[in-house]
Amino acid sequence: MQHLYDYAAPKKATNLSLNSDLIKKSKELNINLSATLEKALREKLAQAESIQWLEENKNAIKAYNEFIEEQGSFGDEYRSF
């Protein structure tokens, strides 16, 4: 299985522009901005890659579903549900 990104890559300082009140309230609650942003980016990356994979494979998925609809699934005659 391929990883979303290189977990061992070094950290890199980045300049961001964020709502000042959002930053203030986050700091008051001791929310780690870097960790929170990394988590949000991981989730967004996973979602984007999932959408991309589905788009790239939609023809194969459609063909498989059509085949199963026409031919049935292996072992259908033995299922009791």
C-alpha atoms as a PDB file:
ATOM      1  CA  MET A   1       0.000   0.000   0.000  1.00  0.00           C
ATOM      2  CA  GLN A   2       1.282   3.395  -0.950  1.00  0.00           C
ATOM      3  CA  HIS A   3       1.507   6.133   1.685  1.00  0.00           C
ATOM      4  CA  LEU A   4      -0.194   9.469   1.162  1.00  0.00           C
ATOM      5  CA  TYR A   5       3.089  11.294   1.699  1.00  0.00           C
ATOM      6  CA  ASP A   6       6.602  10.802   3.087  1.00  0.00           C
ATOM      7  CA  TYR A   7       6.110  10.663   6.868  1.00  0.00           C
ATOM      8  CA  ALA A   8       9.857  11.036   7.427  1.00  0.00           C
ATOM      9  CA  ALA A   9      10.211  14.225   5.385  1.00  0.00           C
ATOM     10  CA  PRO A  10      11.658  17.099   7.409  1.00  0.00           C
ATOM     11  CA  LYS A  11       9.442  19.873   8.739  1.00  0.00           C
ATOM     12  CA  LYS A  12       9.451  23.114   6.787  1.00  0.00           C
ATOM     13  CA  ALA A  13       8.573  26.551   8.130  1.00  0.00           C
ATOM     14  CA  THR A  14       5.655  28.039   6.228  1.00  0.00           C
ATOM     15  CA  ASN A  15       4.119  31.488   6.231  1.00  0.00           C
ATOM     16  CA  LEU A  16       0.327  31.413   6.468  1.00  0.00           C
ATOM     17  CA  SER A  17      -2.338  34.058   6.742  1.00  0.00           C
ATOM     18  CA  LEU A  18      -5.083  33.102   9.172  1.00  0.00           C
ATOM     19  CA  ASN A  19      -7.924  34.885  10.912  1.00  0.00           C
ATOM     20  CA  SER A  20      -6.345  36.583  13.936  1.00  0.00           C
ATOM     21  CA  ASP A  21      -9.261  35.800  16.265  1.00  0.00           C
ATOM     22  CA  LEU A  22      -9.125  32.164  15.250  1.00  0.00           C
ATOM     23  CA  ILE A  23      -5.418  32.050  16.129  1.00  0.00           C
ATOM     24  CA  LYS A  24      -5.986  33.849  19.442  1.00  0.00           C
ATOM     25  CA  LYS A  25      -8.777  31.517  20.543  1.00  0.00           C
ATOM     26  CA  SER A  26      -6.835  28.453  19.445  1.00  0.00           C
ATOM     27  CA  LYS A  27      -3.803  29.536  21.459  1.00  0.00           C
ATOM     28  CA  GLU A  28      -6.013  30.218  24.503  1.00  0.00           C
ATOM     29  CA  LEU A  29      -7.160  26.595  24.312  1.00  0.00           C
ATOM     30  CA  ASN A  30      -3.597  25.325  23.730  1.00  0.00           C
ATOM     31  CA  ILE A  31      -4.464  23.952  20.301  1.00  0.00           C
ATOM     32  CA  ASN A  32      -1.323  23.024  18.393  1.00  0.00           C
ATOM     33  CA  LEU A  33      -1.756  24.837  15.095  1.00  0.00           C
ATOM     34  CA  SER A  34       0.902  22.839  13.247  1.00  0.00           C
ATOM     35  CA  ALA A  35      -0.501  19.471  14.310  1.00  0.00           C
ATOM     36  CA  THR A  36      -4.055  20.575  13.566  1.00  0.00           C
ATOM     37  CA  LEU A  37      -3.155  21.818  10.094  1.00  0.00           C
ATOM     38  CA  GLU A  38      -1.164  18.665   9.314  1.00  0.00           C
ATOM     39  CA  LYS A  39      -4.139  16.509  10.324  1.00  0.00           C
ATOM     40  CA  ALA A  40      -6.530  18.588   8.205  1.00  0.00           C
ATOM     41  CA  LEU A  41      -4.173  18.417   5.212  1.00  0.00           C
ATOM     42  CA  ARG A  42      -3.806  14.634   5.567  1.00  0.00           C
ATOM     43  CA  GLU A  43      -7.586  14.243   5.568  1.00  0.00           C
ATOM     44  CA  LYS A  44      -7.998  16.570   2.579  1.00  0.00           C
ATOM     45  CA  LEU A  45      -5.214  14.771   0.682  1.00  0.00           C
ATOM     46  CA  ALA A  46      -6.774  11.362   1.371  1.00  0.00           C
ATOM     47  CA  GLN A  47     -10.158  12.638   0.190  1.00  0.00           C
ATOM     48  CA  ALA A  48      -8.693  14.172  -2.977  1.00  0.00           C
ATOM     49  CA  GLU A  49      -6.741  11.009  -3.817  1.00  0.00           C
ATOM     50  CA  SER A  50      -9.842   8.886  -3.233  1.00  0.00           C
ATOM     51  CA  ILE A  51     -11.857  11.034  -5.620  1.00  0.00           C
ATOM     52  CA  GLN A  52      -9.042  10.904  -8.167  1.00  0.00           C
ATOM     53  CA  TRP A  53      -8.796   7.093  -7.883  1.00  0.00           C
ATOM     54  CA  LEU A  54     -12.542   6.688  -8.390  1.00  0.00           C
ATOM     55  CA  GLU A  55     -12.431   8.948 -11.444  1.00  0.00           C
ATOM     56  CA  GLU A  56      -9.466   7.062 -12.937  1.00  0.00           C
ATOM     57  CA  ASN A  57     -11.135   3.690 -12.351  1.00  0.00           C
ATOM     58  CA  LYS A  58     -14.790   4.503 -13.052  1.00  0.00           C
ATOM     59  CA  ASN A  59     -14.826   2.581 -16.337  1.00  0.00           C
ATOM     60  CA  ALA A  60     -13.427  -0.567 -14.746  1.00  0.00           C
ATOM     61  CA  ILE A  61     -15.850  -0.292 -11.815  1.00  0.00           C
ATOM     62  CA  LYS A  62     -18.765   0.166 -14.212  1.00  0.00           C
ATOM     63  CA  ALA A  63     -17.665  -2.828 -16.300  1.00  0.00           C
ATOM     64  CA  TYR A  64     -17.275  -5.007 -13.210  1.00  0.00           C
ATOM     65  CA  ASN A  65     -20.704  -4.032 -11.873  1.00  0.00           C
ATOM     66  CA  GLU A  66     -22.296  -4.760 -15.257  1.00  0.00           C
ATOM     67  CA  PHE A  67     -20.571  -8.155 -15.393  1.00  0.00           C
ATOM     68  CA  ILE A  68     -21.798  -9.071 -11.900  1.00  0.00           C
ATOM     69  CA  GLU A  69     -25.309  -7.919 -12.755  1.00  0.00           C
ATOM     70  CA  GLU A  70     -25.367 -10.078 -15.882  1.00  0.00           C
ATOM     71  CA  GLN A  71     -23.385 -13.116 -14.725  1.00  0.00           C
ATOM     72  CA  GLY A  72     -23.803 -13.038 -10.971  1.00  0.00           C
ATOM     73  CA  SER A  73     -21.081 -13.445  -8.402  1.00  0.00           C
ATOM     74  CA  PHE A  74     -18.973 -16.527  -7.807  1.00  0.00           C
ATOM     75  CA  GLY A  75     -20.727 -18.719  -5.279  1.00  0.00           C
ATOM     76  CA  ASP A  76     -24.163 -17.086  -5.618  1.00  0.00           C
ATOM     77  CA  GLU A  77     -25.805 -20.503  -5.816  1.00  0.00           C
ATOM     78  CA  TYR A  78     -24.407 -21.396  -2.393  1.00  0.00           C
ATOM     79  CA  ARG A  79     -25.463 -18.249  -0.545  1.00  0.00           C
ATOM     80  CA  SER A  80     -28.349 -18.511   1.882  1.00  0.00           C
ATOM     81  CA  PHE A  81     -29.048 -14.774   2.164  1.00  0.00           C
END
